[in-house]
Amino acid sequence: MPSTETRSKTLASSSLPSSSHTPAPYVGPSRDEVLALRQQYLTPGLITYYREPLLIAEGHMQYVWDEAGKQYLDAFAGIVTVSVGHCHPKIVEKVREQVGRLQHTTTIYLHPAVGQLGKKLAEHMPEGSDLSVSYFTSSGSEANEIAILSAREFTGNTDVISLRNGYHGGTQGTMGLTAQGTWKFKSNPNAGVKHATPAYCYRCPYGLEYPSCDVKCARDVEDLIRYETPGEVACFIAEPIQGVGGAVTPPREYFEIVYDIVRRHGGLCVADEVQTGFGRTGTSFWGFENWGVTPDIVTMAKGIGNGVPLGACTTRPEIARVMKNRVHFNTFGGNPVSMTQGLATLEVIDSEGIQQNAFEVGRHLKDSLLELQERQPLVGDVRGMGLMLGVELVRDRQSKEPATAETADLLELCKERGLLIGKGGIAGNTLRIKPPMCLTRDDADFLVDCLDDVLTRISARA
């Protein structure tokens, strides 16, 4: 590991790596025309990043280009969705072939791709888990809805436990599971959901420190069940690492403790792998494997399809059987184009060592971010695993006052330099660094150099 001084000199000369891909000239409407169409004909509920919204015209692997041909490193991966690279050539080839043959059918007919993808997912689950039956959807929200419905039908219980600071989707049911006020509408009912304390060690709600805390946040789930439910629950659902919440990463034993409590009270355990799955944490294919637990149900989306609308809920056969209690149908679940892209994505992940790259480049990137923390006082915490990382910015390390405005400014300045990143957390002060998993060490060096430069500029203005 180079010294901080040496590292700083190396970063100082880092620039956006050039791509071998040459984007086609953009011939569509101007950015202003695109913005005007959006403002007139699309819901005002849509949000955009940046004070001057960015028009992305083309993408290739970890890079995207705007309508003027400017190149950017996409370190947010279309909100943690592009797992193996924009327009990966092997995926494009297989999808193009499928689109030319059959674009849509439903599961009332037979098509080989949906069963093949189900088999592939089963083969990637932990040995002996019997997590072998999948219900395909178009989104993670739908997958989580299926998980909760299945758990309630299987157990005969109603109450569901999710975590504060968690995010599980925007449908009625998943909005109830979500526990961040900015994502919840006042008119949406929140029936049968209890919110437990997350393992947010940097901002422990009890004011304790790990490990002397004895993981009080996990053990408190038992009191929540005793006091706020009939003593039995349908399930517990959580992200192995909270995504929208700001890459909040728990102590290793957190999930072991909670899973044990929930199962003793009749509930199933659901892992929401929408952001952590498919090798993104580097050390494991699934996020839950990092914590030594095996859930009863696994939900997924985003990275499963490398950009296509695709989600899935995978569980054991005896739990899946409850979906026969009534008729349930998803028109696009099993779409042949989506299934083909899902299969091609898994094949690329396996054949190109994507998980190993997430581990190696992710470790290098995190080490570099930790060094950045030493010299940039705005950096309060660096956390996460693999290529699912978070950098929480604070105005003061003692008070931990969120640097919300500074984070917004940072995103703008990074964009100027050719870096696209995300932000999250309840205060919008955590950088979400979750790039396509084909990221290189040179890309990582550019990313940290850009953050170093921008943080220095922001601190100088204070």
Protein backbone atom coordinates (compact mmCIF):
# COMPACT_ATOMS: atom_id res chain seq x y z
CA MET A 1 0.00 0.00 0.00
CA PRO A 2 1.57 3.32 -1.05
CA SER A 3 1.88 6.09 1.48
CA THR A 4 -0.78 8.80 1.58
CA GLU A 5 1.71 11.29 0.18
CA THR A 6 2.66 9.01 -2.71
CA ARG A 7 -0.96 8.19 -3.31
CA SER A 8 -1.88 11.88 -3.42
CA LYS A 9 0.78 12.56 -6.06
CA THR A 10 -0.50 9.64 -8.13
CA LEU A 11 -4.08 10.86 -7.88
CA ALA A 12 -3.13 14.38 -8.81
CA SER A 13 -2.30 13.22 -12.35
CA SER A 14 -5.28 10.93 -12.74
CA SER A 15 -7.79 11.75 -15.48
CA LEU A 16 -10.85 10.11 -16.95
CA PRO A 17 -9.63 7.00 -18.77
CA SER A 18 -10.32 7.09 -22.48
CA SER A 19 -12.67 4.51 -23.96
CA SER A 20 -12.03 2.52 -27.12
CA HIS A 21 -15.67 3.06 -27.99
CA THR A 22 -16.57 5.91 -30.30
CA PRO A 23 -20.16 7.11 -29.82
CA ALA A 24 -22.30 7.74 -32.86
CA PRO A 25 -23.13 11.39 -33.61
CA TYR A 26 -26.31 12.38 -31.80
CA VAL A 27 -29.11 13.32 -34.22
CA GLY A 28 -32.10 13.55 -31.85
CA PRO A 29 -33.85 16.61 -30.42
CA SER A 30 -31.75 19.09 -28.45
CA ARG A 31 -31.38 18.83 -24.69
CA ASP A 32 -33.67 21.84 -24.27
CA GLU A 33 -36.31 20.24 -26.50
CA VAL A 34 -36.08 16.97 -24.56
CA LEU A 35 -36.46 18.85 -21.30
CA ALA A 36 -39.46 20.79 -22.63
CA LEU A 37 -41.19 17.56 -23.74
CA ARG A 38 -40.61 16.07 -20.33
CA GLN A 39 -41.93 19.12 -18.50
CA GLN A 40 -45.09 19.28 -20.62
CA TYR A 41 -45.99 15.62 -21.08
CA LEU A 42 -44.50 13.65 -18.18
CA THR A 43 -45.49 13.59 -14.53
CA PRO A 44 -43.97 16.38 -12.44
CA GLY A 45 -43.20 13.70 -9.88
CA LEU A 46 -40.13 12.72 -11.88
CA ILE A 47 -36.86 13.96 -10.42
CA THR A 48 -33.59 14.79 -12.14
CA TYR A 49 -30.05 15.08 -10.89
CA TYR A 50 -28.12 18.28 -11.55
CA ARG A 51 -29.18 21.90 -11.89
CA GLU A 52 -28.84 21.48 -15.64
CA PRO A 53 -30.28 17.99 -16.25
CA LEU A 54 -27.99 15.63 -18.16
CA LEU A 55 -29.06 14.05 -21.46
CA ILE A 56 -27.38 10.68 -21.82
CA ALA A 57 -27.32 9.62 -25.46
CA GLU A 58 -25.13 6.50 -25.50
CA GLY A 59 -23.42 4.04 -23.19
CA HIS A 60 -20.67 1.45 -23.43
CA MET A 61 -19.49 -0.63 -20.47
CA GLN A 62 -18.71 1.72 -17.53
CA TYR A 63 -18.97 4.92 -19.60
CA VAL A 64 -21.79 7.07 -20.99
CA TRP A 65 -21.83 10.04 -23.38
CA ASP A 66 -24.09 13.09 -23.56
CA GLU A 67 -25.57 14.54 -26.76
CA ALA A 68 -22.46 16.70 -27.26
CA GLY A 69 -20.18 13.65 -27.13
CA LYS A 70 -18.75 14.32 -23.66
CA GLN A 71 -17.68 11.12 -21.89
CA TYR A 72 -18.53 10.32 -18.25
CA LEU A 73 -17.65 7.52 -15.86
CA ASP A 74 -20.97 6.15 -14.66
CA ALA A 75 -20.21 5.41 -11.01
CA PHE A 76 -23.90 5.01 -10.16
CA ALA A 77 -24.72 2.40 -12.85
CA GLY A 78 -28.18 3.69 -13.63
CA ILE A 79 -28.98 3.51 -9.88
CA VAL A 80 -27.13 0.22 -9.25
CA THR A 81 -28.75 -1.47 -12.25
CA VAL A 82 -26.08 -1.87 -14.93
CA SER A 83 -24.14 -4.77 -13.46
CA VAL A 84 -21.74 -5.84 -16.23
CA GLY A 85 -21.61 -2.72 -18.41
CA HIS A 86 -23.79 -0.58 -20.64
CA CYS A 87 -24.60 -2.33 -23.92
CA HIS A 88 -22.29 -5.25 -23.18
CA PRO A 89 -21.65 -6.73 -26.65
CA LYS A 90 -22.42 -10.33 -25.68
CA ILE A 91 -25.74 -9.30 -24.16
CA VAL A 92 -26.64 -7.04 -27.08
CA GLU A 93 -26.01 -9.87 -29.55
CA LYS A 94 -28.30 -12.33 -27.78
CA VAL A 95 -31.07 -9.80 -27.13
CA ARG A 96 -31.00 -8.55 -30.72
CA GLU A 97 -31.46 -12.12 -31.93
CA GLN A 98 -34.39 -12.70 -29.54
CA VAL A 99 -36.11 -9.42 -30.42
CA GLY A 100 -36.07 -10.43 -34.07
CA ARG A 101 -37.71 -13.77 -33.29
CA LEU A 102 -40.28 -13.19 -30.53
CA GLN A 103 -40.77 -10.08 -28.42
CA HIS A 104 -43.58 -11.11 -26.14
CA THR A 105 -45.53 -14.02 -24.84
CA THR A 106 -46.81 -14.75 -21.37
CA THR A 107 -46.48 -17.65 -18.97
CA ILE A 108 -49.81 -19.12 -20.11
CA TYR A 109 -47.66 -20.44 -22.99
CA LEU A 110 -44.33 -22.22 -22.87
CA HIS A 111 -41.00 -20.64 -23.73
CA PRO A 112 -37.59 -22.10 -22.80
CA ALA A 113 -35.90 -18.91 -21.55
CA VAL A 114 -37.98 -18.44 -18.37
CA GLY A 115 -37.27 -21.95 -17.08
CA GLN A 116 -33.61 -21.67 -18.02
CA LEU A 117 -33.26 -18.44 -16.05
CA GLY A 118 -35.04 -20.01 -13.07
CA LYS A 119 -32.57 -22.91 -13.19
CA LYS A 120 -29.61 -20.50 -13.39
CA LEU A 121 -30.81 -18.62 -10.31
CA ALA A 122 -31.29 -21.85 -8.37
CA GLU A 123 -27.73 -22.89 -9.24
CA HIS A 124 -26.42 -19.63 -7.75
CA MET A 125 -28.18 -20.09 -4.40
CA PRO A 126 -26.29 -21.59 -1.42
CA GLU A 127 -25.93 -25.35 -1.60
CA GLY A 128 -28.56 -27.12 0.47
CA SER A 129 -30.76 -24.02 0.81
CA ASP A 130 -33.49 -25.40 -1.50
CA LEU A 131 -34.03 -21.85 -2.76
CA SER A 132 -34.99 -23.18 -6.14
CA VAL A 133 -38.35 -21.77 -7.31
CA SER A 134 -38.67 -18.29 -8.85
CA TYR A 135 -41.54 -15.94 -9.66
CA PHE A 136 -40.42 -13.39 -12.27
CA THR A 137 -41.62 -9.78 -12.28
CA SER A 138 -40.78 -6.49 -13.99
CA SER A 139 -39.36 -4.72 -10.91
CA GLY A 140 -38.00 -5.09 -7.41
CA SER A 141 -41.14 -3.55 -5.96
CA GLU A 142 -43.24 -6.32 -7.50
CA ALA A 143 -40.80 -8.97 -6.31
CA ASN A 144 -41.06 -7.66 -2.75
CA GLU A 145 -44.85 -7.63 -2.98
CA ILE A 146 -44.76 -11.33 -3.94
CA ALA A 147 -42.41 -12.06 -1.04
CA ILE A 148 -44.66 -10.43 1.54
CA LEU A 149 -47.79 -12.05 0.09
CA SER A 150 -46.10 -15.46 0.14
CA ALA A 151 -44.90 -15.04 3.72
CA ARG A 152 -48.34 -14.03 4.96
CA GLU A 153 -50.06 -16.89 3.14
CA PHE A 154 -47.50 -19.45 4.29
CA THR A 155 -47.36 -18.48 7.97
CA GLY A 156 -50.94 -17.35 8.44
CA ASN A 157 -49.56 -14.28 10.20
CA THR A 158 -49.97 -10.67 9.09
CA ASP A 159 -47.33 -8.49 10.74
CA VAL A 160 -44.16 -7.74 8.81
CA ILE A 161 -40.95 -6.28 10.22
CA SER A 162 -38.72 -4.07 8.10
CA LEU A 163 -35.92 -1.70 9.07
CA ARG A 164 -35.85 2.04 9.58
CA ASN A 165 -33.76 3.70 6.89
CA GLY A 166 -34.61 0.84 4.54
CA TYR A 167 -36.06 1.10 1.06
CA HIS A 168 -38.09 -1.61 -0.70
CA GLY A 169 -40.05 0.09 -3.49
CA GLY A 170 -42.78 2.49 -4.50
CA THR A 171 -45.92 0.36 -4.72
CA GLN A 172 -48.50 0.55 -1.94
CA GLY A 173 -47.17 -2.43 -0.03
CA THR A 174 -43.48 -1.71 -0.48
CA MET A 175 -43.92 1.95 0.40
CA GLY A 176 -45.24 0.65 3.71
CA LEU A 177 -42.08 -1.43 4.13
CA THR A 178 -39.91 1.57 3.34
CA ALA A 179 -38.93 3.59 6.40
CA GLN A 180 -37.62 6.89 5.10
CA GLY A 181 -40.11 9.72 5.29
CA THR A 182 -38.99 11.29 2.02
CA TRP A 183 -40.22 8.21 0.14
CA LYS A 184 -43.62 7.84 1.88
CA PHE A 185 -46.88 9.53 0.87
CA LYS A 186 -49.25 10.70 3.61
CA SER A 187 -52.26 9.03 2.01
CA ASN A 188 -50.65 5.60 1.67
CA PRO A 189 -51.71 3.17 4.44
CA ASN A 190 -49.04 1.36 6.42
CA ALA A 191 -51.01 -1.65 7.62
CA GLY A 192 -49.30 -4.52 9.39
CA VAL A 193 -45.71 -3.25 9.14
CA LYS A 194 -43.39 -2.59 12.10
CA HIS A 195 -40.07 -0.83 11.67
CA ALA A 196 -37.10 -2.10 13.67
CA THR A 197 -33.83 -0.33 14.43
CA PRO A 198 -31.13 -0.70 11.76
CA ALA A 199 -27.49 -1.42 12.47
CA TYR A 200 -26.37 2.10 11.55
CA CYS A 201 -23.23 2.12 13.67
CA TYR A 202 -22.02 5.54 12.52
CA ARG A 203 -25.25 7.07 13.84
CA CYS A 204 -26.26 4.58 16.53
CA PRO A 205 -29.73 5.58 17.77
CA TYR A 206 -28.81 4.30 21.22
CA GLY A 207 -25.59 6.29 21.41
CA LEU A 208 -23.57 3.09 21.85
CA GLU A 209 -20.44 1.78 20.19
CA TYR A 210 -19.81 -1.59 18.59
CA PRO A 211 -18.92 -4.18 19.86
CA SER A 212 -19.53 -3.15 23.49
CA CYS A 213 -23.16 -2.43 22.49
CA ASP A 214 -23.82 -6.20 22.28
CA VAL A 215 -25.67 -5.40 19.04
CA LYS A 216 -28.62 -3.95 20.96
CA CYS A 217 -30.32 -2.92 17.70
CA ALA A 218 -30.64 -6.57 16.67
CA ARG A 219 -31.81 -7.83 20.07
CA ASP A 220 -34.46 -5.10 20.24
CA VAL A 221 -36.41 -6.93 17.52
CA GLU A 222 -37.58 -9.40 20.18
CA ASP A 223 -39.15 -6.60 22.25
CA LEU A 224 -40.72 -5.13 19.12
CA ILE A 225 -42.43 -8.47 18.45
CA ARG A 226 -43.50 -8.90 22.08
CA TYR A 227 -44.97 -5.42 22.46
CA GLU A 228 -46.21 -4.48 18.97
CA THR A 229 -47.49 -7.76 17.48
CA PRO A 230 -49.56 -10.73 18.70
CA GLY A 231 -46.26 -12.50 19.32
CA GLU A 232 -46.09 -14.06 15.87
CA VAL A 233 -45.03 -12.43 12.61
CA ALA A 234 -45.19 -13.22 8.92
CA CYS A 235 -41.66 -12.18 8.04
CA PHE A 236 -38.69 -9.89 8.43
CA ILE A 237 -37.40 -8.15 5.29
CA ALA A 238 -34.15 -6.22 4.98
CA GLU A 239 -31.42 -5.25 2.56
CA PRO A 240 -28.09 -6.91 3.49
CA ILE A 241 -26.58 -3.45 3.00
CA GLN A 242 -29.03 -0.56 2.89
CA GLY A 243 -28.84 1.06 -0.53
CA VAL A 244 -30.99 4.19 -0.71
CA GLY A 245 -30.28 4.62 3.01
CA GLY A 246 -26.61 5.26 2.23
CA ALA A 247 -24.72 1.94 2.05
CA VAL A 248 -25.36 1.29 5.75
CA THR A 249 -23.43 -1.89 6.55
CA PRO A 250 -24.23 -3.91 9.70
CA PRO A 251 -21.91 -5.83 12.01
CA ARG A 252 -21.51 -9.45 10.93
CA GLU A 253 -23.69 -10.92 13.69
CA TYR A 254 -26.65 -8.55 13.21
CA PHE A 255 -28.61 -10.73 10.80
CA GLU A 256 -27.83 -13.97 12.64
CA ILE A 257 -29.41 -12.53 15.78
CA VAL A 258 -32.46 -11.09 13.99
CA TYR A 259 -33.12 -14.17 11.85
CA ASP A 260 -33.08 -16.36 14.94
CA ILE A 261 -35.55 -14.10 16.78
CA VAL A 262 -37.93 -13.87 13.81
CA ARG A 263 -37.95 -17.62 13.22
CA ARG A 264 -38.64 -18.31 16.88
CA HIS A 265 -41.73 -16.14 16.50
CA GLY A 266 -43.06 -17.99 13.47
CA GLY A 267 -41.76 -15.70 10.74
CA LEU A 268 -39.84 -16.13 7.53
CA CYS A 269 -36.72 -14.13 6.63
CA VAL A 270 -36.55 -12.20 3.36
CA ALA A 271 -33.34 -10.82 1.85
CA ASP A 272 -33.91 -7.87 -0.49
CA GLU A 273 -30.98 -8.32 -2.89
CA VAL A 274 -32.13 -5.72 -5.40
CA GLN A 275 -28.89 -3.76 -4.96
CA THR A 276 -26.50 -6.16 -3.22
CA GLY A 277 -26.93 -9.25 -5.40
CA PHE A 278 -25.04 -10.72 -8.35
CA GLY A 279 -21.54 -10.37 -6.93
CA ARG A 280 -21.64 -6.65 -6.19
CA THR A 281 -20.23 -7.06 -2.67
CA GLY A 282 -17.26 -8.94 -4.13
CA THR A 283 -16.84 -11.50 -1.38
CA SER A 284 -20.14 -13.25 -2.12
CA PHE A 285 -22.62 -13.64 -4.95
CA TRP A 286 -25.47 -12.64 -2.61
CA GLY A 287 -25.24 -9.95 0.03
CA PHE A 288 -26.76 -12.17 2.73
CA GLU A 289 -23.90 -14.66 2.39
CA ASN A 290 -21.55 -12.07 3.91
CA TRP A 291 -23.46 -12.34 7.19
CA GLY A 292 -23.55 -16.13 7.55
CA VAL A 293 -27.33 -16.46 7.12
CA THR A 294 -29.65 -18.09 4.61
CA PRO A 295 -33.04 -16.46 4.08
CA ASP A 296 -36.29 -18.22 3.28
CA ILE A 297 -37.04 -15.85 0.39
CA VAL A 298 -34.70 -13.82 -1.83
CA THR A 299 -35.91 -10.87 -3.90
CA MET A 300 -33.91 -9.27 -6.68
CA ALA A 301 -34.04 -6.85 -9.61
CA LYS A 302 -31.73 -4.22 -11.12
CA GLY A 303 -28.45 -6.11 -11.66
CA ILE A 304 -30.23 -9.31 -12.67
CA GLY A 305 -31.03 -7.82 -16.07
CA ASN A 306 -28.24 -5.28 -16.62
CA GLY A 307 -30.79 -2.59 -17.40
CA VAL A 308 -33.87 -4.46 -18.63
CA PRO A 309 -37.03 -4.26 -16.44
CA LEU A 310 -36.67 -7.57 -14.59
CA GLY A 311 -37.13 -8.78 -11.03
CA ALA A 312 -37.59 -12.10 -9.27
CA CYS A 313 -38.67 -13.66 -6.00
CA THR A 314 -36.93 -16.95 -5.26
CA THR A 315 -37.92 -19.28 -2.44
CA ARG A 316 -38.33 -22.90 -1.38
CA PRO A 317 -40.97 -25.09 -3.10
CA GLU A 318 -43.23 -25.37 -0.04
CA ILE A 319 -43.40 -21.59 0.31
CA ALA A 320 -43.85 -21.01 -3.43
CA ARG A 321 -46.81 -23.39 -3.40
CA VAL A 322 -49.02 -20.83 -1.61
CA MET A 323 -49.24 -18.81 -4.81
CA LYS A 324 -51.71 -21.47 -5.98
CA ASN A 325 -54.15 -20.44 -3.22
CA ARG A 326 -55.68 -17.98 -5.68
CA VAL A 327 -54.95 -16.83 -9.22
CA HIS A 328 -51.98 -14.47 -9.49
CA PHE A 329 -50.51 -13.29 -12.77
CA ASN A 330 -47.80 -10.97 -14.06
CA THR A 331 -48.12 -10.15 -17.76
CA PHE A 332 -44.45 -9.35 -18.28
CA GLY A 333 -43.01 -11.84 -15.79
CA GLY A 334 -41.28 -14.31 -18.10
CA ASN A 335 -41.10 -12.02 -21.14
CA PRO A 336 -38.69 -13.75 -23.56
CA VAL A 337 -36.62 -10.64 -24.23
CA SER A 338 -36.20 -9.93 -20.50
CA MET A 339 -35.43 -13.59 -19.78
CA THR A 340 -32.84 -13.68 -22.56
CA GLN A 341 -31.14 -10.58 -21.18
CA GLY A 342 -31.21 -12.02 -17.66
CA LEU A 343 -29.62 -15.26 -18.87
CA ALA A 344 -26.98 -13.40 -20.87
CA THR A 345 -26.18 -11.19 -17.86
CA LEU A 346 -25.64 -14.18 -15.56
CA GLU A 347 -23.46 -15.84 -18.20
CA VAL A 348 -21.26 -12.74 -18.43
CA ILE A 349 -21.03 -12.47 -14.62
CA ASP A 350 -19.82 -16.07 -14.46
CA SER A 351 -17.57 -16.15 -17.53
CA GLU A 352 -15.84 -12.79 -17.14
CA GLY A 353 -15.01 -12.93 -13.43
CA ILE A 354 -17.27 -10.00 -12.61
CA GLN A 355 -17.59 -10.84 -8.91
CA GLN A 356 -13.82 -11.17 -8.52
CA ASN A 357 -13.36 -7.82 -10.24
CA ALA A 358 -15.87 -6.26 -7.85
CA PHE A 359 -13.80 -7.67 -4.99
CA GLU A 360 -10.38 -6.57 -6.25
CA VAL A 361 -11.24 -3.16 -7.68
CA GLY A 362 -13.71 -2.55 -4.85
CA ARG A 363 -11.04 -3.22 -2.24
CA HIS A 364 -8.63 -0.87 -4.02
CA LEU A 365 -11.33 1.79 -4.26
CA LYS A 366 -12.35 1.50 -0.63
CA ASP A 367 -8.73 1.67 0.56
CA SER A 368 -8.31 4.81 -1.52
CA LEU A 369 -11.48 6.32 -0.07
CA LEU A 370 -10.25 5.59 3.45
CA GLU A 371 -7.04 7.44 2.62
CA LEU A 372 -9.16 10.27 1.26
CA GLN A 373 -10.95 10.40 4.61
CA GLU A 374 -7.65 11.07 6.35
CA ARG A 375 -7.06 14.30 4.44
CA GLN A 376 -10.59 15.53 3.72
CA PRO A 377 -12.44 16.66 6.87
CA LEU A 378 -15.84 16.57 5.14
CA VAL A 379 -15.59 12.77 4.91
CA GLY A 380 -17.17 11.41 8.06
CA ASP A 381 -17.51 7.71 7.24
CA VAL A 382 -16.53 5.28 4.50
CA ARG A 383 -18.45 2.00 4.41
CA GLY A 384 -19.67 -0.84 2.23
CA MET A 385 -18.20 -3.83 0.44
CA GLY A 386 -16.98 -4.56 -3.07
CA LEU A 387 -18.48 -2.06 -5.49
CA MET A 388 -21.32 -1.08 -3.17
CA LEU A 389 -19.73 1.77 -1.25
CA GLY A 390 -20.92 4.82 0.63
CA VAL A 391 -19.10 7.99 1.74
CA GLU A 392 -21.00 10.02 4.32
CA LEU A 393 -20.18 13.73 4.31
CA VAL A 394 -20.47 15.79 7.49
CA ARG A 395 -19.73 19.39 8.36
CA ASP A 396 -18.20 18.43 11.69
CA ARG A 397 -16.89 15.01 12.65
CA GLN A 398 -17.83 15.45 16.30
CA SER A 399 -21.43 16.58 15.84
CA LYS A 400 -21.82 14.62 12.57
CA GLU A 401 -23.98 17.39 11.15
CA PRO A 402 -24.96 16.22 7.65
CA ALA A 403 -23.23 18.11 4.84
CA THR A 404 -26.34 18.08 2.67
CA ALA A 405 -25.71 21.23 0.64
CA GLU A 406 -22.05 20.31 0.18
CA THR A 407 -23.06 16.88 -1.16
CA ALA A 408 -25.33 18.50 -3.74
CA ASP A 409 -22.51 20.84 -4.79
CA LEU A 410 -20.10 17.91 -5.00
CA LEU A 411 -22.33 16.05 -7.46
CA GLU A 412 -22.43 19.12 -9.70
CA LEU A 413 -18.65 19.60 -9.67
CA CYS A 414 -18.01 15.89 -10.26
CA LYS A 415 -20.27 16.02 -13.30
CA GLU A 416 -18.15 18.86 -14.69
CA ARG A 417 -15.09 16.62 -14.42
CA GLY A 418 -16.83 13.66 -16.04
CA LEU A 419 -17.91 11.65 -13.00
CA LEU A 420 -21.50 10.61 -12.27
CA ILE A 421 -22.24 9.40 -8.75
CA GLY A 422 -25.35 9.11 -6.59
CA LYS A 423 -26.41 10.36 -3.21
CA GLY A 424 -28.60 8.88 -0.50
CA GLY A 425 -29.37 8.73 3.20
CA ILE A 426 -32.25 10.46 4.94
CA ALA A 427 -30.36 13.77 4.80
CA GLY A 428 -29.03 13.29 1.26
CA ASN A 429 -25.43 13.51 2.49
CA THR A 430 -24.03 10.10 1.57
CA LEU A 431 -22.29 9.50 -1.75
CA ARG A 432 -23.52 6.28 -3.33
CA ILE A 433 -20.66 4.75 -5.31
CA LYS A 434 -22.01 1.69 -7.13
CA PRO A 435 -20.59 1.56 -10.66
CA PRO A 436 -20.89 -1.17 -13.28
CA MET A 437 -18.81 -4.06 -12.00
CA CYS A 438 -16.47 -3.89 -15.01
CA LEU A 439 -14.86 -0.83 -13.34
CA THR A 440 -11.05 -0.79 -13.62
CA ARG A 441 -8.39 0.36 -11.17
CA ASP A 442 -7.71 3.35 -13.45
CA ASP A 443 -11.38 4.27 -13.23
CA ALA A 444 -11.23 3.95 -9.45
CA ASP A 445 -8.17 6.20 -9.30
CA PHE A 446 -9.90 8.82 -11.42
CA LEU A 447 -12.98 8.62 -9.19
CA VAL A 448 -11.01 9.24 -6.00
CA ASP A 449 -8.90 11.96 -7.64
CA CYS A 450 -12.08 13.71 -8.71
CA LEU A 451 -13.55 13.51 -5.21
CA ASP A 452 -10.29 14.76 -3.71
CA ASP A 453 -10.20 17.77 -6.04
CA VAL A 454 -13.87 18.63 -5.56
CA LEU A 455 -13.81 18.23 -1.77
CA THR A 456 -10.77 20.52 -1.61
CA ARG A 457 -12.61 23.15 -3.63
CA ILE A 458 -15.74 22.89 -1.48
CA SER A 459 -13.76 23.08 1.77
CA ALA A 460 -11.91 26.18 0.52
CA ARG A 461 -15.21 27.96 -0.02
CA ALA A 462 -16.44 27.31 3.53
